[in-house]
Amino acid sequence: MKALVTGITGQDGSYLAEFLLKKGYEVFGLIRRSSSFNTYRIDHLYKDPHERPKLKLIYADLTDGSNLHSVLNEINPDEVYNLGAQSHVRVSFDQPIYTANVDALGTLRVLEAIRSMKKSAKFYQASSSEMYGKVVETPQTEKTPFYPRSPYGCAKVYSFWQTVNYRQAYNLFACNGILFNHESPRRGETFVTRKITRAATRIKLGLQNKLYLGNLDAKRDWGFAGDYVEAMWLMMQQEKADDFVIATGQTYSVREFLDEVFGHLNLDWGKYVEIDPKYYRPTEVDLLLGDASKAKKILGWQPKIGFKELAKMMTDSDMKIAENERILKDHIK
């Protein structure tokens, strides 16, 4: 089996690549050409000489439709996982046009490229709980109306319905995974959970004094990214394509995440955390809570890692990074 993964260098892409390689897949990852390599999340996969031939990286971009067309027809994958995106919600307010070009039109370009293939590939679209935005009901299910509150959320709604439309209009196997917040030690450092664990561990070791955050009362349904990529794969193994909410069914505030992380380090976060208005969104999403009953029933999927375990996992991982930073700092002195 051949799988093509956009966004393979991101958090989800790296976990998905690991998962697929263990399943015996040949994995092709699309990466953007840049002045520096950004493959640190998947570099470990090249250490195993048996896996190296099964993972191939190809330069391509979701903003270039003709390039995507050529790549897909050359590789002829069985499955395409579209995880590539400008995925930071706050940044999408600063770069709305770029976000729409990549997150909305990028999906359309991939779908069109698949439609041009002689043998159509199965397609997975990384949809987001941010599509629910100003929620009209709690918990949110596959039938809950969307009410996006950011350029990112709007772009994801566009991609969701294009995926549904291509499934119905062209009989493509095209499914949406509506994933609620999922974190890990590989989460980008600008996302609030990783921003907290990085800062807390550095504060513990005297490398940092303060942590600046925005809305501490925002509540999210937080799961482990490693669990969620299994759900992506399970969706693609069904006889009929469908859309699924993937979530833990529990919600916690940013404040509660602070409690877990700083508490694990025996620190009082109130002494170190300050609120900076620049981290507030122009339109806030106050509460997200997913109901994954459909995924549990049809896919047989359920999360394995809980909130407290996730916070501890991320904190312990970042403590190792902070310890190395302090060793380097002491050495320079």
Protein backbone atom coordinates (compact mmCIF):
# COMPACT_ATOMS: atom_id res chain seq x y z
CA MET A 1 0.00 0.00 0.00
CA LYS A 2 1.15 3.50 -0.87
CA ALA A 3 0.13 6.53 1.17
CA LEU A 4 0.80 10.18 0.40
CA VAL A 5 0.79 12.57 3.37
CA THR A 6 0.72 16.34 3.07
CA GLY A 7 2.04 18.09 6.16
CA ILE A 8 4.24 15.10 7.04
CA THR A 9 6.73 17.26 8.94
CA GLY A 10 4.03 18.46 11.36
CA GLN A 11 2.89 16.89 14.60
CA ASP A 12 0.13 14.76 13.07
CA GLY A 13 2.12 13.94 9.95
CA SER A 14 5.01 12.52 11.96
CA TYR A 15 2.79 10.30 14.09
CA LEU A 16 0.84 9.18 11.03
CA ALA A 17 4.05 8.34 9.15
CA GLU A 18 5.20 6.18 12.06
CA PHE A 19 1.82 4.46 12.21
CA LEU A 20 1.66 3.73 8.48
CA LEU A 21 5.24 2.46 8.31
CA LYS A 22 4.47 0.00 11.09
CA LYS A 23 1.51 -1.17 9.01
CA GLY A 24 3.88 -1.90 6.12
CA TYR A 25 2.96 1.09 3.96
CA GLU A 26 5.26 2.85 1.55
CA VAL A 27 4.90 6.48 2.67
CA PHE A 28 5.44 9.57 0.52
CA GLY A 29 5.54 12.89 2.32
CA LEU A 30 5.11 16.30 0.70
CA ILE A 31 7.36 19.05 2.04
CA ARG A 32 7.68 22.68 1.03
CA ARG A 33 10.99 23.96 -0.27
CA SER A 34 12.52 26.37 2.24
CA SER A 35 15.93 27.77 3.14
CA SER A 36 16.28 25.32 6.02
CA PHE A 37 15.15 21.77 6.72
CA ASN A 38 12.18 21.29 9.03
CA THR A 39 12.16 17.52 9.26
CA TYR A 40 13.19 17.06 12.90
CA ARG A 41 9.90 15.36 13.80
CA ILE A 42 10.53 12.56 11.30
CA ASP A 43 14.34 12.38 11.26
CA HIS A 44 14.27 9.39 13.64
CA LEU A 45 12.44 7.36 11.00
CA TYR A 46 15.58 7.44 8.86
CA LYS A 47 17.72 5.85 11.57
CA ASP A 48 16.22 2.44 10.82
CA PRO A 49 17.79 1.26 7.52
CA HIS A 50 14.83 -1.11 7.00
CA GLU A 51 12.33 1.77 7.09
CA ARG A 52 14.34 4.28 5.06
CA PRO A 53 13.36 2.96 1.60
CA LYS A 54 9.70 3.03 2.64
CA LEU A 55 9.66 6.75 3.46
CA LYS A 56 10.24 9.23 0.65
CA LEU A 57 10.02 13.03 0.84
CA ILE A 58 8.97 15.03 -2.21
CA TYR A 59 8.99 18.80 -2.74
CA ALA A 60 5.49 20.04 -3.44
CA ASP A 61 3.14 22.76 -2.24
CA LEU A 62 -0.60 22.95 -1.65
CA THR A 63 -0.62 26.30 -3.48
CA ASP A 64 0.61 24.70 -6.72
CA GLY A 65 -2.13 22.66 -8.37
CA SER A 66 -0.15 21.55 -11.44
CA ASN A 67 2.65 20.29 -9.21
CA LEU A 68 0.18 18.30 -7.09
CA HIS A 69 -1.36 16.87 -10.25
CA SER A 70 2.05 15.65 -11.46
CA VAL A 71 3.08 14.22 -8.09
CA LEU A 72 -0.11 12.25 -7.50
CA ASN A 73 -0.14 10.81 -10.99
CA GLU A 74 3.50 9.82 -10.69
CA ILE A 75 3.18 8.17 -7.27
CA ASN A 76 -0.31 6.76 -7.83
CA PRO A 77 -1.01 6.36 -4.08
CA ASP A 78 -3.78 4.21 -2.62
CA GLU A 79 -4.48 6.71 0.16
CA VAL A 80 -3.98 10.48 0.48
CA TYR A 81 -3.98 12.14 3.90
CA ASN A 82 -4.32 15.92 3.62
CA LEU A 83 -2.81 17.22 6.87
CA GLY A 84 -0.96 20.19 5.39
CA ALA A 85 -2.21 23.58 6.53
CA GLN A 86 -1.47 26.94 8.08
CA SER A 87 -2.77 25.51 11.34
CA HIS A 88 -2.39 28.31 13.88
CA VAL A 89 -5.77 29.93 14.59
CA ARG A 90 -4.40 33.21 15.95
CA VAL A 91 -1.99 33.56 12.99
CA SER A 92 -4.90 33.09 10.57
CA PHE A 93 -6.21 36.52 11.62
CA ASP A 94 -2.88 38.03 10.58
CA GLN A 95 -2.62 35.99 7.35
CA PRO A 96 -6.21 35.29 6.27
CA ILE A 97 -5.56 35.19 2.52
CA TYR A 98 -2.59 32.83 2.81
CA THR A 99 -4.59 30.66 5.24
CA ALA A 100 -7.48 30.41 2.78
CA ASN A 101 -5.14 29.67 -0.12
CA VAL A 102 -3.49 26.76 1.68
CA ASP A 103 -6.25 25.44 3.97
CA ALA A 104 -9.24 25.89 1.65
CA LEU A 105 -8.06 26.03 -1.96
CA GLY A 106 -5.21 23.65 -1.15
CA THR A 107 -7.75 20.95 -0.35
CA LEU A 108 -9.59 21.64 -3.58
CA ARG A 109 -6.33 21.31 -5.54
CA VAL A 110 -5.62 17.92 -3.96
CA LEU A 111 -9.15 16.71 -4.70
CA GLU A 112 -8.85 17.80 -8.31
CA ALA A 113 -5.49 16.03 -8.60
CA ILE A 114 -7.04 12.83 -7.24
CA ARG A 115 -9.91 13.14 -9.70
CA SER A 116 -7.35 13.25 -12.54
CA MET A 117 -5.78 9.93 -11.51
CA LYS A 118 -6.53 6.80 -13.54
CA LYS A 119 -7.29 4.94 -10.32
CA SER A 120 -8.68 7.34 -7.70
CA ALA A 121 -7.02 7.30 -4.30
CA LYS A 122 -8.92 7.34 -1.03
CA PHE A 123 -8.84 10.83 0.50
CA TYR A 124 -8.72 11.93 4.14
CA GLN A 125 -9.32 15.59 5.01
CA ALA A 126 -8.07 16.95 8.34
CA SER A 127 -11.11 18.88 9.47
CA SER A 128 -11.15 20.75 12.76
CA SER A 129 -13.29 21.39 15.83
CA GLU A 130 -12.64 25.10 15.14
CA MET A 131 -15.36 24.78 12.49
CA TYR A 132 -17.89 24.74 15.35
CA GLY A 133 -16.52 28.02 16.73
CA LYS A 134 -19.37 29.75 18.56
CA VAL A 135 -21.01 26.45 19.36
CA VAL A 136 -24.76 26.13 18.96
CA GLU A 137 -24.94 22.94 21.05
CA THR A 138 -22.79 20.98 23.48
CA PRO A 139 -21.36 18.45 22.98
CA GLN A 140 -20.64 18.80 19.27
CA THR A 141 -21.41 15.88 16.94
CA GLU A 142 -21.23 15.24 13.20
CA LYS A 143 -24.67 16.87 12.91
CA THR A 144 -23.87 20.06 14.83
CA PRO A 145 -24.03 23.14 12.57
CA PHE A 146 -20.75 24.96 11.97
CA TYR A 147 -20.19 28.51 13.22
CA PRO A 148 -16.49 29.32 12.56
CA ARG A 149 -14.91 32.25 14.37
CA SER A 150 -11.59 32.63 12.55
CA PRO A 151 -10.19 32.65 9.02
CA TYR A 152 -8.74 29.22 9.84
CA GLY A 153 -12.16 27.89 10.88
CA CYS A 154 -13.79 29.34 7.76
CA ALA A 155 -11.16 27.75 5.52
CA LYS A 156 -11.68 24.38 7.20
CA VAL A 157 -15.45 24.60 6.70
CA TYR A 158 -14.86 25.21 2.98
CA SER A 159 -12.63 22.13 2.80
CA PHE A 160 -15.11 20.02 4.74
CA TRP A 161 -17.93 20.70 2.30
CA GLN A 162 -15.69 20.34 -0.77
CA THR A 163 -14.73 16.90 0.54
CA VAL A 164 -18.39 15.98 0.97
CA ASN A 165 -19.22 17.39 -2.46
CA TYR A 166 -16.48 15.42 -4.24
CA ARG A 167 -17.66 12.29 -2.46
CA GLN A 168 -21.21 12.80 -3.67
CA ALA A 169 -20.56 14.34 -7.10
CA TYR A 170 -17.70 12.12 -8.28
CA ASN A 171 -18.14 9.04 -6.11
CA LEU A 172 -14.69 9.51 -4.57
CA PHE A 173 -13.81 7.84 -1.28
CA ALA A 174 -13.41 11.14 0.58
CA CYS A 175 -13.84 11.42 4.34
CA ASN A 176 -13.50 14.13 6.99
CA GLY A 177 -11.99 13.61 10.40
CA ILE A 178 -13.30 16.39 12.65
CA LEU A 179 -10.49 16.29 15.15
CA PHE A 180 -10.74 18.19 18.40
CA ASN A 181 -7.57 19.60 19.98
CA HIS A 182 -4.81 17.01 20.07
CA GLU A 183 -1.43 17.62 21.61
CA SER A 184 1.89 15.87 22.16
CA PRO A 185 5.57 16.52 22.86
CA ARG A 186 5.81 17.24 19.10
CA ARG A 187 3.28 20.07 19.20
CA GLY A 188 4.57 23.35 17.79
CA GLU A 189 5.92 25.69 20.48
CA THR A 190 3.55 28.53 19.54
CA PHE A 191 0.48 26.46 20.45
CA VAL A 192 -0.74 27.13 23.98
CA THR A 193 -0.19 23.68 25.52
CA ARG A 194 3.39 23.36 24.29
CA LYS A 195 4.04 27.03 25.04
CA ILE A 196 3.06 26.26 28.65
CA THR A 197 5.14 23.08 29.03
CA ARG A 198 8.21 24.69 27.46
CA ALA A 199 7.96 27.76 29.66
CA ALA A 200 7.19 25.87 32.87
CA THR A 201 10.20 23.58 32.54
CA ARG A 202 12.49 26.51 31.68
CA ILE A 203 11.15 28.46 34.67
CA LYS A 204 11.81 25.45 36.90
CA LEU A 205 15.47 25.44 35.83
CA GLY A 206 15.91 29.20 36.03
CA LEU A 207 16.12 29.72 32.27
CA GLN A 208 12.98 31.87 32.02
CA ASN A 209 11.12 34.23 34.36
CA LYS A 210 7.68 34.80 32.89
CA LEU A 211 5.04 33.21 30.65
CA TYR A 212 2.65 35.47 28.74
CA LEU A 213 -0.75 34.07 27.74
CA GLY A 214 -4.17 35.18 26.56
CA ASN A 215 -7.56 33.75 27.54
CA LEU A 216 -7.10 31.31 30.44
CA ASP A 217 -10.80 30.44 30.56
CA ALA A 218 -11.04 28.98 27.05
CA LYS A 219 -12.07 25.33 27.31
CA ARG A 220 -10.94 22.62 24.92
CA ASP A 221 -11.34 18.88 24.42
CA TRP A 222 -7.68 17.83 24.55
CA GLY A 223 -6.43 14.43 23.39
CA PHE A 224 -3.14 12.82 22.36
CA ALA A 225 -2.13 13.18 18.70
CA GLY A 226 -0.70 9.65 18.64
CA ASP A 227 -4.16 8.26 19.41
CA TYR A 228 -5.86 10.43 16.80
CA VAL A 229 -3.82 9.32 13.79
CA GLU A 230 -5.12 5.78 14.34
CA ALA A 231 -8.63 7.17 13.87
CA MET A 232 -7.57 8.72 10.55
CA TRP A 233 -6.38 5.35 9.29
CA LEU A 234 -9.49 3.54 10.52
CA MET A 235 -11.72 5.95 8.57
CA MET A 236 -9.84 5.05 5.40
CA GLN A 237 -10.36 1.31 5.94
CA GLN A 238 -14.16 1.51 5.87
CA GLU A 239 -16.17 0.22 2.91
CA LYS A 240 -17.99 3.54 2.66
CA ALA A 241 -16.50 7.01 3.21
CA ASP A 242 -18.03 9.04 6.02
CA ASP A 243 -17.27 11.89 8.43
CA PHE A 244 -16.36 11.39 12.08
CA VAL A 245 -15.82 13.48 15.19
CA ILE A 246 -12.65 12.43 17.03
CA ALA A 247 -12.53 13.64 20.63
CA THR A 248 -12.16 12.56 24.26
CA GLY A 249 -15.56 13.76 25.44
CA GLN A 250 -13.98 15.82 28.24
CA THR A 251 -13.18 19.52 28.33
CA TYR A 252 -10.61 21.47 30.35
CA SER A 253 -9.64 25.13 30.48
CA VAL A 254 -6.21 26.59 29.77
CA ARG A 255 -6.15 27.42 33.49
CA GLU A 256 -6.58 23.72 34.34
CA PHE A 257 -3.76 22.80 31.98
CA LEU A 258 -1.57 25.30 33.84
CA ASP A 259 -2.58 23.63 37.11
CA GLU A 260 -1.48 20.21 35.83
CA VAL A 261 1.83 21.30 34.32
CA PHE A 262 3.05 23.66 37.03
CA GLY A 263 1.68 21.35 39.73
CA HIS A 264 3.71 18.48 38.28
CA LEU A 265 6.80 20.68 38.72
CA ASN A 266 5.75 21.87 42.22
CA LEU A 267 5.42 25.45 41.02
CA ASP A 268 2.70 28.06 41.58
CA TRP A 269 1.89 29.31 38.10
CA GLY A 270 0.27 32.44 39.53
CA LYS A 271 3.75 33.77 40.30
CA TYR A 272 4.95 33.45 36.73
CA VAL A 273 2.01 33.82 34.32
CA GLU A 274 0.91 37.21 33.04
CA ILE A 275 -1.90 38.07 30.64
CA ASP A 276 -1.00 39.85 27.41
CA PRO A 277 -3.95 41.20 25.36
CA LYS A 278 -2.10 40.53 22.09
CA TYR A 279 -2.74 36.81 22.58
CA TYR A 280 -6.51 37.24 22.59
CA ARG A 281 -8.32 36.45 19.34
CA PRO A 282 -10.58 39.08 17.74
CA THR A 283 -13.39 36.53 18.02
CA GLU A 284 -12.94 33.92 20.74
CA VAL A 285 -14.02 30.28 20.86
CA ASP A 286 -15.00 29.70 24.48
CA LEU A 287 -15.91 26.01 24.64
CA LEU A 288 -15.30 22.93 22.51
CA LEU A 289 -16.44 19.46 23.60
CA GLY A 290 -16.72 16.58 21.15
CA ASP A 291 -18.96 13.52 21.11
CA ALA A 292 -17.06 10.67 19.42
CA SER A 293 -19.83 8.08 19.88
CA LYS A 294 -20.09 7.46 16.14
CA ALA A 295 -16.33 6.79 15.84
CA LYS A 296 -16.42 4.44 18.83
CA LYS A 297 -19.38 2.52 17.40
CA ILE A 298 -18.35 2.26 13.73
CA LEU A 299 -14.55 2.52 13.87
CA GLY A 300 -14.06 0.86 17.23
CA TRP A 301 -11.86 3.82 18.19
CA GLN A 302 -11.40 5.42 21.57
CA PRO A 303 -8.63 7.55 23.12
CA LYS A 304 -6.01 5.85 25.28
CA ILE A 305 -4.20 8.85 26.80
CA GLY A 306 -6.13 11.12 29.20
CA PHE A 307 -5.70 14.80 30.05
CA LYS A 308 -3.51 14.41 33.13
CA GLU A 309 -1.29 11.81 31.47
CA LEU A 310 -0.94 14.02 28.40
CA ALA A 311 0.10 17.05 30.46
CA LYS A 312 2.67 14.96 32.35
CA MET A 313 4.02 13.39 29.12
CA MET A 314 4.56 16.81 27.52
CA THR A 315 6.09 18.30 30.67
CA ASP A 316 8.55 15.43 31.15
CA SER A 317 9.59 15.62 27.51
CA ASP A 318 10.19 19.37 27.66
CA MET A 319 12.09 19.02 30.93
CA LYS A 320 14.71 16.98 29.04
CA ILE A 321 15.01 19.78 26.49
CA ALA A 322 15.31 22.40 29.22
CA GLU A 323 17.99 20.35 31.02
CA ASN A 324 20.04 20.23 27.81
CA GLU A 325 19.59 23.98 27.41
CA ARG A 326 20.91 24.59 30.91
CA ILE A 327 23.91 22.31 30.34
CA LEU A 328 24.73 24.25 27.18
CA LYS A 329 24.28 27.58 28.98
CA ASP A 330 26.55 26.49 31.85
CA HIS A 331 29.14 25.25 29.35
CA ILE A 332 29.21 28.60 27.55
CA LYS A 333 29.72 30.38 30.85
